Amino acid sequence: GHATLGLLADSTPLTQTMYDVFMQRAAGHDARL
């Protein structure tokens, strides 16, 4: 997650990430970037 840290160092905690998108897609759900 270094690119994330390099652009969002002072932002609020992440609630969803690329992990969530891939997991939703793997489960057959409608995953949107």
All heavy atoms as atom14 arrays in JSON, in Angstrom:
{
  "sequence": "GHATLGLLADSTPLTQTMYDVFMQRAAGHDARL",
  "atom14_mask": [
    [1, 1, 1, 1, 0, 0, 0, 0, 0, 0, 0, 0, 0, 0],
    [1, 1, 1, 1, 1, 1, 1, 1, 1, 1, 0, 0, 0, 0],
    [1, 1, 1, 1, 1, 0, 0, 0, 0, 0, 0, 0, 0, 0],
    [1, 1, 1, 1, 1, 1, 1, 0, 0, 0, 0, 0, 0, 0],
    [1, 1, 1, 1, 1, 1, 1, 1, 0, 0, 0, 0, 0, 0],
    [1, 1, 1, 1, 0, 0, 0, 0, 0, 0, 0, 0, 0, 0],
    [1, 1, 1, 1, 1, 1, 1, 1, 0, 0, 0, 0, 0, 0],
    [1, 1, 1, 1, 1, 1, 1, 1, 0, 0, 0, 0, 0, 0],
    [1, 1, 1, 1, 1, 0, 0, 0, 0, 0, 0, 0, 0, 0],
    [1, 1, 1, 1, 1, 1, 1, 1, 0, 0, 0, 0, 0, 0],
    [1, 1, 1, 1, 1, 1, 0, 0, 0, 0, 0, 0, 0, 0],
    [1, 1, 1, 1, 1, 1, 1, 0, 0, 0, 0, 0, 0, 0],
    [1, 1, 1, 1, 1, 1, 1, 0, 0, 0, 0, 0, 0, 0],
    [1, 1, 1, 1, 1, 1, 1, 1, 0, 0, 0, 0, 0, 0],
    [1, 1, 1, 1, 1, 1, 1, 0, 0, 0, 0, 0, 0, 0],
    [1, 1, 1, 1, 1, 1, 1, 1, 1, 0, 0, 0, 0, 0],
    [1, 1, 1, 1, 1, 1, 1, 0, 0, 0, 0, 0, 0, 0],
    [1, 1, 1, 1, 1, 1, 1, 1, 0, 0, 0, 0, 0, 0],
    [1, 1, 1, 1, 1, 1, 1, 1, 1, 1, 1, 1, 0, 0],
    [1, 1, 1, 1, 1, 1, 1, 1, 0, 0, 0, 0, 0, 0],
    [1, 1, 1, 1, 1, 1, 1, 0, 0, 0, 0, 0, 0, 0],
    [1, 1, 1, 1, 1, 1, 1, 1, 1, 1, 1, 0, 0, 0],
    [1, 1, 1, 1, 1, 1, 1, 1, 0, 0, 0, 0, 0, 0],
    [1, 1, 1, 1, 1, 1, 1, 1, 1, 0, 0, 0, 0, 0],
    [1, 1, 1, 1, 1, 1, 1, 1, 1, 1, 1, 0, 0, 0],
    [1, 1, 1, 1, 1, 0, 0, 0, 0, 0, 0, 0, 0, 0],
    [1, 1, 1, 1, 1, 0, 0, 0, 0, 0, 0, 0, 0, 0],
    [1, 1, 1, 1, 0, 0, 0, 0, 0, 0, 0, 0, 0, 0],
    [1, 1, 1, 1, 1, 1, 1, 1, 1, 1, 0, 0, 0, 0],
    [1, 1, 1, 1, 1, 1, 1, 1, 0, 0, 0, 0, 0, 0],
    [1, 1, 1, 1, 1, 0, 0, 0, 0, 0, 0, 0, 0, 0],
    [1, 1, 1, 1, 1, 1, 1, 1, 1, 1, 1, 0, 0, 0],
    [1, 1, 1, 1, 1, 1, 1, 1, 0, 0, 0, 0, 0, 0]
  ],
  "atom14_positions": [
    [[0.79, -1.23, 0.0], [0.0, 0.0, 0.0], [0.82, 1.27, 0.0], [0.36, 2.31, 0.47], [0.0, 0.0, 0.0], [0.0, 0.0, 0.0], [0.0, 0.0, 0.0], [0.0, 0.0, 0.0], [0.0, 0.0, 0.0], [0.0, 0.0, 0.0], [0.0, 0.0, 0.0], [0.0, 0.0, 0.0], [0.0, 0.0, 0.0], [0.0, 0.0, 0.0]],
    [[2.0, 1.23, -0.58], [2.86, 2.41, -0.52], [2.34, 3.55, -1.4], [2.49, 4.72, -1.05], [4.29, 2.04, -0.92], [5.0, 1.26, 0.14], [6.22, 0.65, -0.05], [4.65, 1.0, 1.43], [6.59, 0.04, 1.06], [5.66, 0.23, 1.96], [0.0, 0.0, 0.0], [0.0, 0.0, 0.0], [0.0, 0.0, 0.0], [0.0, 0.0, 0.0]],
    [[1.75, 3.23, -2.54], [1.17, 4.3, -3.36], [0.03, 4.97, -2.62], [-0.15, 6.19, -2.7], [0.68, 3.74, -4.7], [0.0, 0.0, 0.0], [0.0, 0.0, 0.0], [0.0, 0.0, 0.0], [0.0, 0.0, 0.0], [0.0, 0.0, 0.0], [0.0, 0.0, 0.0], [0.0, 0.0, 0.0], [0.0, 0.0, 0.0], [0.0, 0.0, 0.0]],
    [[-0.74, 4.18, -1.88], [-1.82, 4.74, -1.06], [-1.26, 5.67, 0.01], [-1.76, 6.79, 0.2], [-2.62, 3.6, -0.41], [-3.13, 2.74, -1.43], [-3.77, 4.14, 0.41], [0.0, 0.0, 0.0], [0.0, 0.0, 0.0], [0.0, 0.0, 0.0], [0.0, 0.0, 0.0], [0.0, 0.0, 0.0], [0.0, 0.0, 0.0], [0.0, 0.0, 0.0]],
    [[-0.22, 5.22, 0.69], [0.4, 6.06, 1.71], [1.02, 7.31, 1.11], [0.98, 8.39, 1.71], [1.49, 5.26, 2.45], [1.02, 4.15, 3.39], [2.21, 3.37, 3.91], [0.22, 4.73, 4.54], [0.0, 0.0, 0.0], [0.0, 0.0, 0.0], [0.0, 0.0, 0.0], [0.0, 0.0, 0.0], [0.0, 0.0, 0.0], [0.0, 0.0, 0.0]],
    [[1.57, 7.17, -0.09], [2.23, 8.3, -0.74], [1.29, 9.36, -1.24], [1.72, 10.47, -1.55], [0.0, 0.0, 0.0], [0.0, 0.0, 0.0], [0.0, 0.0, 0.0], [0.0, 0.0, 0.0], [0.0, 0.0, 0.0], [0.0, 0.0, 0.0], [0.0, 0.0, 0.0], [0.0, 0.0, 0.0], [0.0, 0.0, 0.0], [0.0, 0.0, 0.0]],
    [[0.0, 9.04, -1.32], [-0.98, 10.02, -1.79], [-2.06, 10.35, -0.77], [-2.71, 11.38, -0.85], [-1.65, 9.52, -3.07], [-0.78, 9.45, -4.33], [-1.54, 8.82, -5.48], [-0.28, 10.84, -4.72], [0.0, 0.0, 0.0], [0.0, 0.0, 0.0], [0.0, 0.0, 0.0], [0.0, 0.0, 0.0], [0.0, 0.0, 0.0], [0.0, 0.0, 0.0]],
    [[-2.23, 9.46, 0.23], [-3.32, 9.66, 1.2], [-2.82, 9.52, 2.63], [-3.52, 8.99, 3.5], [-4.44, 8.63, 0.97], [-5.18, 8.7, -0.36], [-6.16, 7.52, -0.46], [-5.94, 10.0, -0.5], [0.0, 0.0, 0.0], [0.0, 0.0, 0.0], [0.0, 0.0, 0.0], [0.0, 0.0, 0.0], [0.0, 0.0, 0.0], [0.0, 0.0, 0.0]],
    [[-1.61, 10.0, 2.9], [-1.01, 9.79, 4.22], [-1.85, 10.37, 5.35], [-1.94, 9.8, 6.44], [0.39, 10.39, 4.27], [0.0, 0.0, 0.0], [0.0, 0.0, 0.0], [0.0, 0.0, 0.0], [0.0, 0.0, 0.0], [0.0, 0.0, 0.0], [0.0, 0.0, 0.0], [0.0, 0.0, 0.0], [0.0, 0.0, 0.0], [0.0, 0.0, 0.0]],
    [[-2.51, 11.51, 5.12], [-3.23, 12.19, 6.2], [-4.74, 11.99, 6.1], [-5.5, 12.67, 6.78], [-2.91, 13.69, 6.19], [-1.43, 13.94, 6.47], [-0.84, 13.17, 7.23], [-0.88, 14.9, 5.9], [0.0, 0.0, 0.0], [0.0, 0.0, 0.0], [0.0, 0.0, 0.0], [0.0, 0.0, 0.0], [0.0, 0.0, 0.0], [0.0, 0.0, 0.0]],
    [[-5.18, 11.07, 5.27], [-6.61, 10.89, 5.08], [-7.2, 10.01, 6.18], [-6.5, 9.37, 6.96], [-6.89, 10.26, 3.7], [-6.5, 11.13, 2.68], [0.0, 0.0, 0.0], [0.0, 0.0, 0.0], [0.0, 0.0, 0.0], [0.0, 0.0, 0.0], [0.0, 0.0, 0.0], [0.0, 0.0, 0.0], [0.0, 0.0, 0.0], [0.0, 0.0, 0.0]],
    [[-8.51, 9.99, 6.22], [-9.21, 9.15, 7.19], [-8.97, 7.68, 6.85], [-8.62, 7.34, 5.72], [-10.72, 9.44, 7.13], [-11.18, 9.27, 5.79], [-11.0, 10.86, 7.6], [0.0, 0.0, 0.0], [0.0, 0.0, 0.0], [0.0, 0.0, 0.0], [0.0, 0.0, 0.0], [0.0, 0.0, 0.0], [0.0, 0.0, 0.0], [0.0, 0.0, 0.0]],
    [[-9.15, 6.78, 7.82], [-8.91, 5.35, 7.56], [-9.73, 4.84, 6.38], [-10.86, 5.27, 6.15], [-9.35, 4.69, 8.88], [-9.19, 5.76, 9.91], [-9.52, 7.05, 9.22], [0.0, 0.0, 0.0], [0.0, 0.0, 0.0], [0.0, 0.0, 0.0], [0.0, 0.0, 0.0], [0.0, 0.0, 0.0], [0.0, 0.0, 0.0], [0.0, 0.0, 0.0]],
    [[-9.14, 3.91, 5.65], [-9.81, 3.35, 4.47], [-10.9, 2.39, 4.9], [-10.69, 1.52, 5.75], [-8.79, 2.63, 3.6], [-7.62, 3.47, 3.07], [-6.59, 2.59, 2.4], [-8.13, 4.54, 2.11], [0.0, 0.0, 0.0], [0.0, 0.0, 0.0], [0.0, 0.0, 0.0], [0.0, 0.0, 0.0], [0.0, 0.0, 0.0], [0.0, 0.0, 0.0]],
    [[-12.06, 2.52, 4.3], [-13.16, 1.6, 4.58], [-13.24, 0.49, 3.55], [-13.61, -0.64, 3.86], [-14.5, 2.35, 4.61], [-14.67, 3.06, 3.37], [-14.52, 3.36, 5.76], [0.0, 0.0, 0.0], [0.0, 0.0, 0.0], [0.0, 0.0, 0.0], [0.0, 0.0, 0.0], [0.0, 0.0, 0.0], [0.0, 0.0, 0.0], [0.0, 0.0, 0.0]],
    [[-12.87, 0.79, 2.31], [-12.84, -0.21, 1.25], [-11.6, -0.03, 0.4], [-11.15, 1.1, 0.16], [-14.08, -0.11, 0.37], [-15.36, -0.62, 1.02], [-16.5, -0.71, 0.02], [-16.79, 0.25, -0.69], [-17.14, -1.86, -0.06], [0.0, 0.0, 0.0], [0.0, 0.0, 0.0], [0.0, 0.0, 0.0], [0.0, 0.0, 0.0], [0.0, 0.0, 0.0]],
    [[-11.05, -1.14, -0.05], [-9.83, -1.11, -0.85], [-9.97, -2.06, -2.05], [-11.03, -2.67, -2.25], [-8.62, -1.53, -0.01], [-8.77, -2.92, 0.35], [-8.49, -0.68, 1.24], [0.0, 0.0, 0.0], [0.0, 0.0, 0.0], [0.0, 0.0, 0.0], [0.0, 0.0, 0.0], [0.0, 0.0, 0.0], [0.0, 0.0, 0.0], [0.0, 0.0, 0.0]],
    [[-8.9, -2.23, -2.8], [-8.91, -3.15, -3.92], [-9.22, -4.57, -3.47], [-9.8, -5.37, -4.22], [-7.56, -3.11, -4.65], [-7.3, -1.83, -5.43], [-8.53, -1.54, -6.72], [-8.28, -2.96, -7.78], [0.0, 0.0, 0.0], [0.0, 0.0, 0.0], [0.0, 0.0, 0.0], [0.0, 0.0, 0.0], [0.0, 0.0, 0.0], [0.0, 0.0, 0.0]],
    [[-8.85, -4.9, -2.24], [-9.18, -6.24, -1.7], [-10.68, -6.48, -1.72], [-11.15, -7.54, -2.14], [-8.63, -6.34, -0.27], [-9.17, -7.54, 0.49], [-8.63, -8.81, 0.27], [-10.2, -7.4, 1.4], [-9.12, -9.91, 0.96], [-10.7, -8.49, 2.1], [-10.16, -9.75, 1.86], [-10.65, -10.83, 2.54], [0.0, 0.0, 0.0], [0.0, 0.0, 0.0]],
    [[-11.44, -5.49, -1.29], [-12.89, -5.65, -1.25], [-13.48, -5.83, -2.64], [-14.41, -6.64, -2.83], [-13.52, -4.43, -0.57], [-13.07, -4.28, 0.87], [-13.54, -5.03, 1.72], [-12.22, -3.4, 1.11], [0.0, 0.0, 0.0], [0.0, 0.0, 0.0], [0.0, 0.0, 0.0], [0.0, 0.0, 0.0], [0.0, 0.0, 0.0], [0.0, 0.0, 0.0]],
    [[-12.96, -5.1, -3.61], [-13.47, -5.21, -4.98], [-13.2, -6.62, -5.52], [-14.09, -7.26, -6.1], [-12.82, -4.16, -5.89], [-13.33, -4.31, -7.32], [-13.13, -2.76, -5.39], [0.0, 0.0, 0.0], [0.0, 0.0, 0.0], [0.0, 0.0, 0.0], [0.0, 0.0, 0.0], [0.0, 0.0, 0.0], [0.0, 0.0, 0.0], [0.0, 0.0, 0.0]],
    [[-11.99, -7.11, -5.33], [-11.66, -8.44, -5.83], [-12.48, -9.52, -5.12], [-12.93, -10.49, -5.75], [-10.16, -8.72, -5.66], [-9.3, -8.09, -6.7], [-8.26, -7.25, -6.35], [-9.53, -8.33, -8.05], [-7.45, -6.67, -7.32], [-8.73, -7.75, -9.03], [-7.69, -6.92, -8.67], [0.0, 0.0, 0.0], [0.0, 0.0, 0.0], [0.0, 0.0, 0.0]],
    [[-12.67, -9.39, -3.82], [-13.43, -10.39, -3.08], [-14.89, -10.4, -3.52], [-15.5, -11.47, -3.65], [-13.33, -10.11, -1.58], [-11.97, -10.44, -0.98], [-11.51, -12.18, -1.2], [-12.75, -12.98, -0.17], [0.0, 0.0, 0.0], [0.0, 0.0, 0.0], [0.0, 0.0, 0.0], [0.0, 0.0, 0.0], [0.0, 0.0, 0.0], [0.0, 0.0, 0.0]],
    [[-15.46, -9.23, -3.76], [-16.84, -9.17, -4.25], [-16.96, -9.83, -5.61], [-17.91, -10.58, -5.88], [-17.31, -7.73, -4.31], [-17.5, -7.06, -2.96], [-17.77, -5.58, -3.08], [-18.22, -5.11, -4.13], [-17.48, -4.83, -2.02], [0.0, 0.0, 0.0], [0.0, 0.0, 0.0], [0.0, 0.0, 0.0], [0.0, 0.0, 0.0], [0.0, 0.0, 0.0]],
    [[-15.98, -9.58, -6.45], [-16.03, -10.16, -7.78], [-15.84, -11.68, -7.71], [-16.5, -12.44, -8.44], [-14.96, -9.53, -8.67], [-15.09, -9.94, -10.13], [-14.26, -9.05, -11.02], [-14.51, -9.36, -12.43], [-15.54, -8.88, -13.13], [-16.42, -8.09, -12.55], [-15.68, -9.22, -14.4], [0.0, 0.0, 0.0], [0.0, 0.0, 0.0], [0.0, 0.0, 0.0]],
    [[-14.95, -12.13, -6.83], [-14.73, -13.56, -6.67], [-15.99, -14.27, -6.16], [-16.23, -15.44, -6.49], [-13.57, -13.81, -5.71], [0.0, 0.0, 0.0], [0.0, 0.0, 0.0], [0.0, 0.0, 0.0], [0.0, 0.0, 0.0], [0.0, 0.0, 0.0], [0.0, 0.0, 0.0], [0.0, 0.0, 0.0], [0.0, 0.0, 0.0], [0.0, 0.0, 0.0]],
    [[-16.8, -13.56, -5.39], [-18.03, -14.13, -4.85], [-19.19, -14.04, -5.83], [-20.31, -14.46, -5.52], [-18.4, -13.43, -3.54], [0.0, 0.0, 0.0], [0.0, 0.0, 0.0], [0.0, 0.0, 0.0], [0.0, 0.0, 0.0], [0.0, 0.0, 0.0], [0.0, 0.0, 0.0], [0.0, 0.0, 0.0], [0.0, 0.0, 0.0], [0.0, 0.0, 0.0]],
    [[-18.94, -13.45, -7.0], [-19.97, -13.35, -8.01], [-20.87, -12.14, -7.88], [-21.9, -12.05, -8.56], [0.0, 0.0, 0.0], [0.0, 0.0, 0.0], [0.0, 0.0, 0.0], [0.0, 0.0, 0.0], [0.0, 0.0, 0.0], [0.0, 0.0, 0.0], [0.0, 0.0, 0.0], [0.0, 0.0, 0.0], [0.0, 0.0, 0.0], [0.0, 0.0, 0.0]],
    [[-20.5, -11.21, -7.01], [-21.3, -10.02, -6.82], [-20.89, -8.93, -7.81], [-19.85, -9.01, -8.46], [-21.15, -9.49, -5.39], [-21.58, -10.48, -4.35], [-22.77, -11.15, -4.38], [-20.94, -10.9, -3.22], [-22.87, -11.95, -3.35], [-21.76, -11.82, -2.62], [0.0, 0.0, 0.0], [0.0, 0.0, 0.0], [0.0, 0.0, 0.0], [0.0, 0.0, 0.0]],
    [[-21.7, -7.89, -7.91], [-21.41, -6.76, -8.78], [-20.34, -5.89, -8.12], [-20.63, -5.16, -7.18], [-22.69, -5.95, -9.03], [-22.45, -4.78, -9.98], [-21.48, -4.85, -10.75], [-23.22, -3.81, -9.93], [0.0, 0.0, 0.0], [0.0, 0.0, 0.0], [0.0, 0.0, 0.0], [0.0, 0.0, 0.0], [0.0, 0.0, 0.0], [0.0, 0.0, 0.0]],
    [[-19.12, -6.01, -8.59], [-18.01, -5.26, -8.01], [-17.68, -4.09, -8.91], [-17.5, -4.24, -10.11], [-16.79, -6.16, -7.86], [0.0, 0.0, 0.0], [0.0, 0.0, 0.0], [0.0, 0.0, 0.0], [0.0, 0.0, 0.0], [0.0, 0.0, 0.0], [0.0, 0.0, 0.0], [0.0, 0.0, 0.0], [0.0, 0.0, 0.0], [0.0, 0.0, 0.0]],
    [[-17.6, -2.9, -8.31], [-17.32, -1.69, -9.09], [-16.11, -0.97, -8.51], [-16.02, -0.76, -7.29], [-18.53, -0.75, -9.07], [-19.79, -1.35, -9.67], [-20.89, -0.32, -9.77], [-21.13, 0.34, -8.48], [-21.91, 1.41, -8.32], [-22.5, 1.95, -9.37], [-22.08, 1.93, -7.13], [0.0, 0.0, 0.0], [0.0, 0.0, 0.0], [0.0, 0.0, 0.0]],
    [[-15.22, -0.59, -9.39], [-14.02, 0.14, -8.97], [-14.4, 1.48, -8.35], [-13.72, 1.97, -7.43], [-13.09, 0.33, -10.16], [-11.61, 0.56, -9.89], [-11.02, -0.58, -9.08], [-10.85, 0.73, -11.2], [0.0, 0.0, 0.0], [0.0, 0.0, 0.0], [0.0, 0.0, 0.0], [0.0, 0.0, 0.0], [0.0, 0.0, 0.0], [0.0, 0.0, 0.0]]
  ]
}
